[in-house]
Amino acid sequence: MLVTFRTKAWGNITMFGDVAVALLKLMGHSGTVPSAILARDVPAALQRLKERLAAGAFVEVEKPQDDGEDEKQPAVGLRTRAYPLLELLAAAAEQECDVLWQAGEPPL
């Protein structure tokens, strides 16, 4: 599953569902898809996410199946995956916009 985050203040961001739900939970949200955060709640959600990522908070993310390749690719950490969402939340907080997310990619 893919999850797409939207706000009027920033471009859409699409990420894998397991990563998106993990980040939503770190923000203090239930992880429900689809859902939203009202503009007045975005700064607090952003702050919680930053604090929990900085503290090394861990939320289990499904590991990809081993495809039998001999060369192992380095894992991408949750902090790195969170970067686009942090930028989106910061822009939404600055411009006082709601943040919405849904399963799949939005239509063009």
PDB file of N, CA and C in Angstrom:
ATOM      1  N   MET A   1       0.839  -1.175   0.000  1.00  0.00           N
ATOM      2  CA  MET A   1       0.000   0.000   0.000  1.00  0.00           C
ATOM      3  C   MET A   1       0.890   1.246   0.000  1.00  0.00           C
ATOM      4  N   LEU A   2       0.445   2.256  -0.703  1.00  0.00           N
ATOM      5  CA  LEU A   2       1.080   3.565  -0.689  1.00  0.00           C
ATOM      6  C   LEU A   2       0.168   4.539   0.042  1.00  0.00           C
ATOM      7  N   VAL A   3       0.769   5.540   0.685  1.00  0.00           N
ATOM      8  CA  VAL A   3       0.008   6.588   1.363  1.00  0.00           C
ATOM      9  C   VAL A   3       0.507   7.920   0.829  1.00  0.00           C
ATOM     10  N   THR A   4      -0.429   8.788   0.458  1.00  0.00           N
ATOM     11  CA  THR A   4      -0.089  10.108  -0.051  1.00  0.00           C
ATOM     12  C   THR A   4      -0.548  11.171   0.930  1.00  0.00           C
ATOM     13  N   PHE A   5       0.386  12.039   1.309  1.00  0.00           N
ATOM     14  CA  PHE A   5       0.113  13.173   2.196  1.00  0.00           C
ATOM     15  C   PHE A   5      -0.099  14.404   1.328  1.00  0.00           C
ATOM     16  N   ARG A   6      -1.107  15.226   1.689  1.00  0.00           N
ATOM     17  CA  ARG A   6      -1.414  16.429   0.922  1.00  0.00           C
ATOM     18  C   ARG A   6      -1.616  17.612   1.868  1.00  0.00           C
ATOM     19  N   THR A   7      -1.246  18.774   1.390  1.00  0.00           N
ATOM     20  CA  THR A   7      -1.546  20.034   2.043  1.00  0.00           C
ATOM     21  C   THR A   7      -1.446  21.114   0.978  1.00  0.00           C
ATOM     22  N   LYS A   8      -2.138  22.217   1.194  1.00  0.00           N
ATOM     23  CA  LYS A   8      -2.084  23.319   0.223  1.00  0.00           C
ATOM     24  C   LYS A   8      -0.733  24.018   0.248  1.00  0.00           C
ATOM     25  N   ALA A   9       0.033  23.819   1.317  1.00  0.00           N
ATOM     26  CA  ALA A   9       1.306  24.525   1.493  1.00  0.00           C
ATOM     27  C   ALA A   9       2.496  23.825   0.843  1.00  0.00           C
ATOM     28  N   TRP A  10       2.326  22.602   0.351  1.00  0.00           N
ATOM     29  CA  TRP A  10       3.471  21.814  -0.116  1.00  0.00           C
ATOM     30  C   TRP A  10       2.994  20.833  -1.169  1.00  0.00           C
ATOM     31  N   GLY A  11       3.896  20.288  -1.938  1.00  0.00           N
ATOM     32  CA  GLY A  11       3.547  19.263  -2.919  1.00  0.00           C
ATOM     33  C   GLY A  11       3.202  17.950  -2.238  1.00  0.00           C
ATOM     34  N   ASN A  12       2.479  17.092  -2.941  1.00  0.00           N
ATOM     35  CA  ASN A  12       2.110  15.789  -2.394  1.00  0.00           C
ATOM     36  C   ASN A  12       3.338  14.934  -2.153  1.00  0.00           C
ATOM     37  N   ILE A  13       3.266  14.116  -1.102  1.00  0.00           N
ATOM     38  CA  ILE A  13       4.336  13.179  -0.779  1.00  0.00           C
ATOM     39  C   ILE A  13       3.721  11.796  -0.686  1.00  0.00           C
ATOM     40  N   THR A  14       4.273  10.848  -1.416  1.00  0.00           N
ATOM     41  CA  THR A  14       3.797   9.472  -1.384  1.00  0.00           C
ATOM     42  C   THR A  14       4.889   8.599  -0.799  1.00  0.00           C
ATOM     43  N   MET A  15       4.503   7.760   0.160  1.00  0.00           N
ATOM     44  CA  MET A  15       5.468   6.838   0.762  1.00  0.00           C
ATOM     45  C   MET A  15       4.812   5.489   0.997  1.00  0.00           C
ATOM     46  N   PHE A  16       5.643   4.497   1.266  1.00  0.00           N
ATOM     47  CA  PHE A  16       5.123   3.175   1.559  1.00  0.00           C
ATOM     48  C   PHE A  16       4.246   3.240   2.805  1.00  0.00           C
ATOM     49  N   GLY A  17       3.172   2.460   2.807  1.00  0.00           N
ATOM     50  CA  GLY A  17       2.189   2.495   3.874  1.00  0.00           C
ATOM     51  C   GLY A  17       2.746   2.183   5.248  1.00  0.00           C
ATOM     52  N   ASP A  18       3.633   1.188   5.349  1.00  0.00           N
ATOM     53  CA  ASP A  18       4.170   0.825   6.659  1.00  0.00           C
ATOM     54  C   ASP A  18       4.997   1.954   7.256  1.00  0.00           C
ATOM     55  N   VAL A  19       5.744   2.653   6.420  1.00  0.00           N
ATOM     56  CA  VAL A  19       6.552   3.783   6.876  1.00  0.00           C
ATOM     57  C   VAL A  19       5.639   4.947   7.263  1.00  0.00           C
ATOM     58  N   ALA A  20       4.637   5.219   6.431  1.00  0.00           N
ATOM     59  CA  ALA A  20       3.709   6.319   6.710  1.00  0.00           C
ATOM     60  C   ALA A  20       2.983   6.091   8.031  1.00  0.00           C
ATOM     61  N   VAL A  21       2.496   4.885   8.269  1.00  0.00           N
ATOM     62  CA  VAL A  21       1.782   4.586   9.519  1.00  0.00           C
ATOM     63  C   VAL A  21       2.723   4.712  10.711  1.00  0.00           C
ATOM     64  N   ALA A  22       3.955   4.254  10.565  1.00  0.00           N
ATOM     65  CA  ALA A  22       4.927   4.383  11.654  1.00  0.00           C
ATOM     66  C   ALA A  22       5.163   5.851  11.998  1.00  0.00           C
ATOM     67  N   LEU A  23       5.291   6.698  10.984  1.00  0.00           N
ATOM     68  CA  LEU A  23       5.517   8.127  11.222  1.00  0.00           C
ATOM     69  C   LEU A  23       4.277   8.789  11.823  1.00  0.00           C
ATOM     70  N   LEU A  24       3.108   8.378  11.369  1.00  0.00           N
ATOM     71  CA  LEU A  24       1.869   8.910  11.953  1.00  0.00           C
ATOM     72  C   LEU A  24       1.789   8.571  13.437  1.00  0.00           C
ATOM     73  N   LYS A  25       2.160   7.359  13.794  1.00  0.00           N
ATOM     74  CA  LYS A  25       2.127   6.955  15.204  1.00  0.00           C
ATOM     75  C   LYS A  25       3.136   7.747  16.027  1.00  0.00           C
ATOM     76  N   LEU A  26       4.286   8.040  15.453  1.00  0.00           N
ATOM     77  CA  LEU A  26       5.272   8.855  16.157  1.00  0.00           C
ATOM     78  C   LEU A  26       4.758  10.280  16.369  1.00  0.00           C
ATOM     79  N   MET A  27       3.869  10.744  15.477  1.00  0.00           N
ATOM     80  CA  MET A  27       3.268  12.073  15.636  1.00  0.00           C
ATOM     81  C   MET A  27       2.190  12.082  16.711  1.00  0.00           C
ATOM     82  N   GLY A  28       1.828  10.894  17.198  1.00  0.00           N
ATOM     83  CA  GLY A  28       0.769  10.816  18.189  1.00  0.00           C
ATOM     84  C   GLY A  28      -0.590  10.504  17.583  1.00  0.00           C
ATOM     85  N   HIS A  29      -0.621  10.171  16.306  1.00  0.00           N
ATOM     86  CA  HIS A  29      -1.862   9.843  15.618  1.00  0.00           C
ATOM     87  C   HIS A  29      -2.076   8.332  15.698  1.00  0.00           C
ATOM     88  N   SER A  30      -3.293   7.902  15.487  1.00  0.00           N
ATOM     89  CA  SER A  30      -3.610   6.467  15.550  1.00  0.00           C
ATOM     90  C   SER A  30      -3.006   5.682  14.397  1.00  0.00           C
ATOM     91  N   GLY A  31      -2.694   6.350  13.305  1.00  0.00           N
ATOM     92  CA  GLY A  31      -2.170   5.662  12.134  1.00  0.00           C
ATOM     93  C   GLY A  31      -3.258   5.300  11.137  1.00  0.00           C
ATOM     94  N   THR A  32      -4.458   5.791  11.363  1.00  0.00           N
ATOM     95  CA  THR A  32      -5.588   5.519  10.479  1.00  0.00           C
ATOM     96  C   THR A  32      -5.375   6.165   9.117  1.00  0.00           C
ATOM     97  N   VAL A  33      -5.684   5.401   8.063  1.00  0.00           N
ATOM     98  CA  VAL A  33      -5.607   5.903   6.693  1.00  0.00           C
ATOM     99  C   VAL A  33      -6.954   5.628   6.047  1.00  0.00           C
ATOM    100  N   PRO A  34      -7.645   6.612   5.507  1.00  0.00           N
ATOM    101  CA  PRO A  34      -7.326   8.032   5.394  1.00  0.00           C
ATOM    102  C   PRO A  34      -7.661   8.787   6.677  1.00  0.00           C
ATOM    103  N   SER A  35      -7.063   9.945   6.812  1.00  0.00           N
ATOM    104  CA  SER A  35      -7.346  10.811   7.945  1.00  0.00           C
ATOM    105  C   SER A  35      -6.706  12.180   7.686  1.00  0.00           C
ATOM    106  N   ALA A  36      -6.680  13.007   8.737  1.00  0.00           N
ATOM    107  CA  ALA A  36      -6.154  14.367   8.582  1.00  0.00           C
ATOM    108  C   ALA A  36      -5.747  14.934   9.927  1.00  0.00           C
ATOM    109  N   ILE A  37      -4.956  15.985   9.872  1.00  0.00           N
ATOM    110  CA  ILE A  37      -4.607  16.788  11.050  1.00  0.00           C
ATOM    111  C   ILE A  37      -5.036  18.217  10.723  1.00  0.00           C
ATOM    112  N   LEU A  38      -5.823  18.800  11.598  1.00  0.00           N
ATOM    113  CA  LEU A  38      -6.254  20.180  11.398  1.00  0.00           C
ATOM    114  C   LEU A  38      -5.068  21.125  11.550  1.00  0.00           C
ATOM    115  N   ALA A  39      -5.151  22.254  10.885  1.00  0.00           N
ATOM    116  CA  ALA A  39      -4.059  23.227  10.880  1.00  0.00           C
ATOM    117  C   ALA A  39      -3.605  23.585  12.286  1.00  0.00           C
ATOM    118  N   ARG A  40      -4.547  23.740  13.214  1.00  0.00           N
ATOM    119  CA  ARG A  40      -4.174  24.139  14.575  1.00  0.00           C
ATOM    120  C   ARG A  40      -3.388  23.048  15.311  1.00  0.00           C
ATOM    121  N   ASP A  41      -3.475  21.788  14.856  1.00  0.00           N
ATOM    122  CA  ASP A  41      -2.785  20.674  15.501  1.00  0.00           C
ATOM    123  C   ASP A  41      -1.471  20.294  14.822  1.00  0.00           C
ATOM    124  N   VAL A  42      -1.200  20.852  13.656  1.00  0.00           N
ATOM    125  CA  VAL A  42       0.005  20.495  12.900  1.00  0.00           C
ATOM    126  C   VAL A  42       1.291  20.838  13.652  1.00  0.00           C
ATOM    127  N   PRO A  43       1.441  22.036  14.254  1.00  0.00           N
ATOM    128  CA  PRO A  43       2.701  22.331  14.952  1.00  0.00           C
ATOM    129  C   PRO A  43       3.023  21.321  16.066  1.00  0.00           C
ATOM    130  N   ALA A  44       2.022  20.905  16.825  1.00  0.00           N
ATOM    131  CA  ALA A  44       2.252  19.935  17.901  1.00  0.00           C
ATOM    132  C   ALA A  44       2.649  18.577  17.333  1.00  0.00           C
ATOM    133  N   ALA A  45       2.001  18.154  16.249  1.00  0.00           N
ATOM    134  CA  ALA A  45       2.338  16.874  15.622  1.00  0.00           C
ATOM    135  C   ALA A  45       3.765  16.903  15.075  1.00  0.00           C
ATOM    136  N   LEU A  46       4.137  18.021  14.466  1.00  0.00           N
ATOM    137  CA  LEU A  46       5.494  18.180  13.946  1.00  0.00           C
ATOM    138  C   LEU A  46       6.512  18.109  15.080  1.00  0.00           C
ATOM    139  N   GLN A  47       6.237  18.788  16.168  1.00  0.00           N
ATOM    140  CA  GLN A  47       7.152  18.793  17.306  1.00  0.00           C
ATOM    141  C   GLN A  47       7.318  17.389  17.892  1.00  0.00           C
ATOM    142  N   ARG A  48       6.197  16.672  18.054  1.00  0.00           N
ATOM    143  CA  ARG A  48       6.269  15.298  18.582  1.00  0.00           C
ATOM    144  C   ARG A  48       7.103  14.409  17.672  1.00  0.00           C
ATOM    145  N   LEU A  49       6.868  14.522  16.365  1.00  0.00           N
ATOM    146  CA  LEU A  49       7.616  13.702  15.413  1.00  0.00           C
ATOM    147  C   LEU A  49       9.107  14.004  15.496  1.00  0.00           C
ATOM    148  N   LYS A  50       9.474  15.275  15.523  1.00  0.00           N
ATOM    149  CA  LYS A  50      10.895  15.647  15.627  1.00  0.00           C
ATOM    150  C   LYS A  50      11.515  15.100  16.906  1.00  0.00           C
ATOM    151  N   GLU A  51      10.833  15.277  18.020  1.00  0.00           N
ATOM    152  CA  GLU A  51      11.359  14.819  19.311  1.00  0.00           C
ATOM    153  C   GLU A  51      11.545  13.310  19.345  1.00  0.00           C
ATOM    154  N   ARG A  52      10.560  12.583  18.847  1.00  0.00           N
ATOM    155  CA  ARG A  52      10.641  11.119  18.890  1.00  0.00           C
ATOM    156  C   ARG A  52      11.679  10.579  17.926  1.00  0.00           C
ATOM    157  N   LEU A  53      11.837  11.210  16.787  1.00  0.00           N
ATOM    158  CA  LEU A  53      12.896  10.792  15.861  1.00  0.00           C
ATOM    159  C   LEU A  53      14.268  11.089  16.450  1.00  0.00           C
ATOM    160  N   ALA A  54      14.420  12.259  17.082  1.00  0.00           N
ATOM    161  CA  ALA A  54      15.700  12.634  17.689  1.00  0.00           C
ATOM    162  C   ALA A  54      16.051  11.703  18.847  1.00  0.00           C
ATOM    163  N   ALA A  55      15.038  11.239  19.565  1.00  0.00           N
ATOM    164  CA  ALA A  55      15.258  10.344  20.697  1.00  0.00           C
ATOM    165  C   ALA A  55      15.496   8.903  20.248  1.00  0.00           C
ATOM    166  N   GLY A  56      15.422   8.677  18.942  1.00  0.00           N
ATOM    167  CA  GLY A  56      15.645   7.327  18.430  1.00  0.00           C
ATOM    168  C   GLY A  56      14.453   6.426  18.619  1.00  0.00           C
ATOM    169  N   ALA A  57      13.258   7.006  18.688  1.00  0.00           N
ATOM    170  CA  ALA A  57      12.042   6.206  18.855  1.00  0.00           C
ATOM    171  C   ALA A  57      11.967   5.175  17.744  1.00  0.00           C
ATOM    172  N   PHE A  58      11.504   4.017  18.101  1.00  0.00           N
ATOM    173  CA  PHE A  58      11.444   2.919  17.152  1.00  0.00           C
ATOM    174  C   PHE A  58      10.011   2.446  17.009  1.00  0.00           C
ATOM    175  N   VAL A  59       9.560   2.412  15.782  1.00  0.00           N
ATOM    176  CA  VAL A  59       8.278   1.812  15.462  1.00  0.00           C
ATOM    177  C   VAL A  59       8.585   0.771  14.408  1.00  0.00           C
ATOM    178  N   GLU A  60       8.102  -0.430  14.617  1.00  0.00           N
ATOM    179  CA  GLU A  60       8.447  -1.506  13.704  1.00  0.00           C
ATOM    180  C   GLU A  60       7.883  -1.264  12.320  1.00  0.00           C
ATOM    181  N   VAL A  61       8.760  -1.395  11.338  1.00  0.00           N
ATOM    182  CA  VAL A  61       8.402  -1.272   9.933  1.00  0.00           C
ATOM    183  C   VAL A  61       8.719  -2.608   9.302  1.00  0.00           C
ATOM    184  N   GLU A  62       7.785  -3.115   8.498  1.00  0.00           N
ATOM    185  CA  GLU A  62       8.000  -4.410   7.865  1.00  0.00           C
ATOM    186  C   GLU A  62       9.285  -4.410   7.059  1.00  0.00           C
ATOM    187  N   LYS A  63      10.022  -5.510   7.152  1.00  0.00           N
ATOM    188  CA  LYS A  63      11.261  -5.654   6.386  1.00  0.00           C
ATOM    189  C   LYS A  63      10.916  -6.271   5.034  1.00  0.00           C
ATOM    190  N   PRO A  64      11.559  -5.782   3.967  1.00  0.00           N
ATOM    191  CA  PRO A  64      11.283  -6.349   2.644  1.00  0.00           C
ATOM    192  C   PRO A  64      11.737  -7.800   2.570  1.00  0.00           C
ATOM    193  N   GLN A  65      11.084  -8.566   1.709  1.00  0.00           N
ATOM    194  CA  GLN A  65      11.448  -9.961   1.500  1.00  0.00           C
ATOM    195  C   GLN A  65      12.832 -10.030   0.876  1.00  0.00           C
ATOM    196  N   ASP A  66      13.598 -11.048   1.257  1.00  0.00           N
ATOM    197  CA  ASP A  66      14.917 -11.245   0.665  1.00  0.00           C
ATOM    198  C   ASP A  66      14.713 -11.727  -0.763  1.00  0.00           C
ATOM    199  N   ASP A  67      15.249 -10.983  -1.713  1.00  0.00           N
ATOM    200  CA  ASP A  67      15.058 -11.350  -3.116  1.00  0.00           C
ATOM    201  C   ASP A  67      16.211 -12.186  -3.657  1.00  0.00           C
ATOM    202  N   GLY A  68      17.108 -12.609  -2.778  1.00  0.00           N
ATOM    203  CA  GLY A  68      18.184 -13.492  -3.176  1.00  0.00           C
ATOM    204  C   GLY A  68      19.390 -12.790  -3.777  1.00  0.00           C
ATOM    205  N   GLU A  69      19.403 -11.475  -3.810  1.00  0.00           N
ATOM    206  CA  GLU A  69      20.559 -10.768  -4.352  1.00  0.00           C
ATOM    207  C   GLU A  69      21.754 -10.980  -3.434  1.00  0.00           C
ATOM    208  N   ASP A  70      22.921 -11.136  -4.047  1.00  0.00           N
ATOM    209  CA  ASP A  70      24.134 -11.308  -3.262  1.00  0.00           C
ATOM    210  C   ASP A  70      24.534 -10.000  -2.589  1.00  0.00           C
ATOM    211  N   GLU A  71      24.349  -8.893  -3.293  1.00  0.00           N
ATOM    212  CA  GLU A  71      24.722  -7.602  -2.733  1.00  0.00           C
ATOM    213  C   GLU A  71      23.579  -7.072  -1.877  1.00  0.00           C
ATOM    214  N   LYS A  72      23.890  -6.729  -0.660  1.00  0.00           N
ATOM    215  CA  LYS A  72      22.883  -6.177   0.242  1.00  0.00           C
ATOM    216  C   LYS A  72      22.913  -4.663   0.153  1.00  0.00           C
ATOM    217  N   GLN A  73      21.759  -4.066  -0.013  1.00  0.00           N
ATOM    218  CA  GLN A  73      21.645  -2.615  -0.030  1.00  0.00           C
ATOM    219  C   GLN A  73      21.528  -2.127   1.408  1.00  0.00           C
ATOM    220  N   PRO A  74      22.131  -0.977   1.728  1.00  0.00           N
ATOM    221  CA  PRO A  74      22.013  -0.466   3.091  1.00  0.00           C
ATOM    222  C   PRO A  74      20.570  -0.078   3.386  1.00  0.00           C
ATOM    223  N   ALA A  75      20.144  -0.329   4.613  1.00  0.00           N
ATOM    224  CA  ALA A  75      18.785   0.017   5.016  1.00  0.00           C
ATOM    225  C   ALA A  75      18.647   1.531   5.110  1.00  0.00           C
ATOM    226  N   VAL A  76      17.484   2.028   4.748  1.00  0.00           N
ATOM    227  CA  VAL A  76      17.198   3.450   4.867  1.00  0.00           C
ATOM    228  C   VAL A  76      16.483   3.657   6.190  1.00  0.00           C
ATOM    229  N   GLY A  77      17.060   4.481   7.060  1.00  0.00           N
ATOM    230  CA  GLY A  77      16.510   4.687   8.389  1.00  0.00           C
ATOM    231  C   GLY A  77      15.213   5.472   8.374  1.00  0.00           C
ATOM    232  N   LEU A  78      14.470   5.338   9.459  1.00  0.00           N
ATOM    233  CA  LEU A  78      13.185   6.020   9.589  1.00  0.00           C
ATOM    234  C   LEU A  78      13.370   7.533   9.583  1.00  0.00           C
ATOM    235  N   ARG A  79      14.456   8.023  10.170  1.00  0.00           N
ATOM    236  CA  ARG A  79      14.714   9.470  10.168  1.00  0.00           C
ATOM    237  C   ARG A  79      14.882  10.002   8.751  1.00  0.00           C
ATOM    238  N   THR A  80      15.581   9.245   7.921  1.00  0.00           N
ATOM    239  CA  THR A  80      15.779   9.647   6.535  1.00  0.00           C
ATOM    240  C   THR A  80      14.466   9.617   5.777  1.00  0.00           C
ATOM    241  N   ARG A  81      13.684   8.583   5.993  1.00  0.00           N
ATOM    242  CA  ARG A  81      12.389   8.473   5.314  1.00  0.00           C
ATOM    243  C   ARG A  81      11.421   9.558   5.765  1.00  0.00           C
ATOM    244  N   ALA A  82      11.604  10.066   6.984  1.00  0.00           N
ATOM    245  CA  ALA A  82      10.703  11.077   7.538  1.00  0.00           C
ATOM    246  C   ALA A  82      10.960  12.468   6.969  1.00  0.00           C
ATOM    247  N   TYR A  83      12.123  12.696   6.383  1.00  0.00           N
ATOM    248  CA  TYR A  83      12.503  14.043   5.958  1.00  0.00           C
ATOM    249  C   TYR A  83      11.451  14.743   5.087  1.00  0.00           C
ATOM    250  N   PRO A  84      10.939  14.106   4.021  1.00  0.00           N
ATOM    251  CA  PRO A  84       9.937  14.808   3.203  1.00  0.00           C
ATOM    252  C   PRO A  84       8.674  15.164   4.001  1.00  0.00           C
ATOM    253  N   LEU A  85       8.261  14.284   4.895  1.00  0.00           N
ATOM    254  CA  LEU A  85       7.081  14.557   5.712  1.00  0.00           C
ATOM    255  C   LEU A  85       7.346  15.696   6.690  1.00  0.00           C
ATOM    256  N   LEU A  86       8.540  15.754   7.252  1.00  0.00           N
ATOM    257  CA  LEU A  86       8.898  16.868   8.139  1.00  0.00           C
ATOM    258  C   LEU A  86       8.817  18.202   7.397  1.00  0.00           C
ATOM    259  N   GLU A  87       9.293  18.230   6.165  1.00  0.00           N
ATOM    260  CA  GLU A  87       9.229  19.440   5.355  1.00  0.00           C
ATOM    261  C   GLU A  87       7.779  19.832   5.063  1.00  0.00           C
ATOM    262  N   LEU A  88       6.957  18.845   4.714  1.00  0.00           N
ATOM    263  CA  LEU A  88       5.545  19.105   4.444  1.00  0.00           C
ATOM    264  C   LEU A  88       4.857  19.660   5.686  1.00  0.00           C
ATOM    265  N   LEU A  89       5.101  19.044   6.840  1.00  0.00           N
ATOM    266  CA  LEU A  89       4.477  19.496   8.086  1.00  0.00           C
ATOM    267  C   LEU A  89       4.945  20.905   8.466  1.00  0.00           C
ATOM    268  N   ALA A  90       6.218  21.196   8.266  1.00  0.00           N
ATOM    269  CA  ALA A  90       6.741  22.520   8.580  1.00  0.00           C
ATOM    270  C   ALA A  90       6.080  23.583   7.701  1.00  0.00           C
ATOM    271  N   ALA A  91       5.916  23.284   6.424  1.00  0.00           N
ATOM    272  CA  ALA A  91       5.262  24.230   5.514  1.00  0.00           C
ATOM    273  C   ALA A  91       3.796  24.410   5.893  1.00  0.00           C
ATOM    274  N   ALA A  92       3.131  23.318   6.240  1.00  0.00           N
ATOM    275  CA  ALA A  92       1.724  23.398   6.640  1.00  0.00           C
ATOM    276  C   ALA A  92       1.570  24.193   7.933  1.00  0.00           C
ATOM    277  N   ALA A  93       2.489  24.014   8.874  1.00  0.00           N
ATOM    278  CA  ALA A  93       2.435  24.771  10.127  1.00  0.00           C
ATOM    279  C   ALA A  93       2.647  26.255   9.865  1.00  0.00           C
ATOM    280  N   GLU A  94       3.612  26.568   9.012  1.00  0.00           N
ATOM    281  CA  GLU A  94       3.927  27.961   8.714  1.00  0.00           C
ATOM    282  C   GLU A  94       2.757  28.668   8.027  1.00  0.00           C
ATOM    283  N   GLN A  95       2.096  27.968   7.123  1.00  0.00           N
ATOM    284  CA  GLN A  95       1.000  28.578   6.368  1.00  0.00           C
ATOM    285  C   GLN A  95      -0.374  28.261   6.965  1.00  0.00           C
ATOM    286  N   GLU A  96      -0.379  27.596   8.115  1.00  0.00           N
ATOM    287  CA  GLU A  96      -1.613  27.240   8.829  1.00  0.00           C
ATOM    288  C   GLU A  96      -2.598  26.487   7.943  1.00  0.00           C
ATOM    289  N   CYS A  97      -2.122  25.376   7.372  1.00  0.00           N
ATOM    290  CA  CYS A  97      -2.930  24.531   6.492  1.00  0.00           C
ATOM    291  C   CYS A  97      -3.160  23.161   7.121  1.00  0.00           C
ATOM    292  N   ASP A  98      -4.290  22.552   6.790  1.00  0.00           N
ATOM    293  CA  ASP A  98      -4.557  21.181   7.206  1.00  0.00           C
ATOM    294  C   ASP A  98      -3.641  20.233   6.441  1.00  0.00           C
ATOM    295  N   VAL A  99      -3.421  19.044   7.008  1.00  0.00           N
ATOM    296  CA  VAL A  99      -2.667  17.989   6.340  1.00  0.00           C
ATOM    297  C   VAL A  99      -3.582  16.778   6.248  1.00  0.00           C
ATOM    298  N   LEU A 100      -3.736  16.236   5.054  1.00  0.00           N
ATOM    299  CA  LEU A 100      -4.591  15.081   4.816  1.00  0.00           C
ATOM    300  C   LEU A 100      -3.754  13.962   4.219  1.00  0.00           C
ATOM    301  N   TRP A 101      -4.186  12.732   4.433  1.00  0.00           N
ATOM    302  CA  TRP A 101      -3.515  11.607   3.784  1.00  0.00           C
ATOM    303  C   TRP A 101      -4.546  10.562   3.415  1.00  0.00           C
ATOM    304  N   GLN A 102      -4.201   9.797   2.393  1.00  0.00           N
ATOM    305  CA  GLN A 102      -5.087   8.768   1.859  1.00  0.00           C
ATOM    306  C   GLN A 102      -4.255   7.630   1.301  1.00  0.00           C
ATOM    307  N   ALA A 103      -4.886   6.487   1.132  1.00  0.00           N
ATOM    308  CA  ALA A 103      -4.213   5.345   0.540  1.00  0.00           C
ATOM    309  C   ALA A 103      -4.095   5.583  -0.964  1.00  0.00           C
ATOM    310  N   GLY A 104      -2.987   5.168  -1.531  1.00  0.00           N
ATOM    311  CA  GLY A 104      -2.774   5.295  -2.963  1.00  0.00           C
ATOM    312  C   GLY A 104      -2.234   6.646  -3.353  1.00  0.00           C
ATOM    313  N   GLU A 105      -2.123   6.829  -4.655  1.00  0.00           N
ATOM    314  CA  GLU A 105      -1.625   8.085  -5.189  1.00  0.00           C
ATOM    315  C   GLU A 105      -2.812   8.925  -5.647  1.00  0.00           C
ATOM    316  N   PRO A 106      -2.745  10.250  -5.457  1.00  0.00           N
ATOM    317  CA  PRO A 106      -3.861  11.085  -5.912  1.00  0.00           C
ATOM    318  C   PRO A 106      -3.905  11.131  -7.431  1.00  0.00           C
ATOM    319  N   PRO A 107      -5.082  11.381  -7.996  1.00  0.00           N
ATOM    320  CA  PRO A 107      -5.155  11.499  -9.458  1.00  0.00           C
ATOM    321  C   PRO A 107      -4.399  12.727  -9.934  1.00  0.00           C
ATOM    322  N   LEU A 108      -3.916  12.652 -11.141  1.00  0.00           N
ATOM    323  CA  LEU A 108      -3.161  13.780 -11.709  1.00  0.00           C
ATOM    324  C   LEU A 108      -4.055  14.939 -12.030  1.00  0.00           C
TER     325      LEU A 108
END
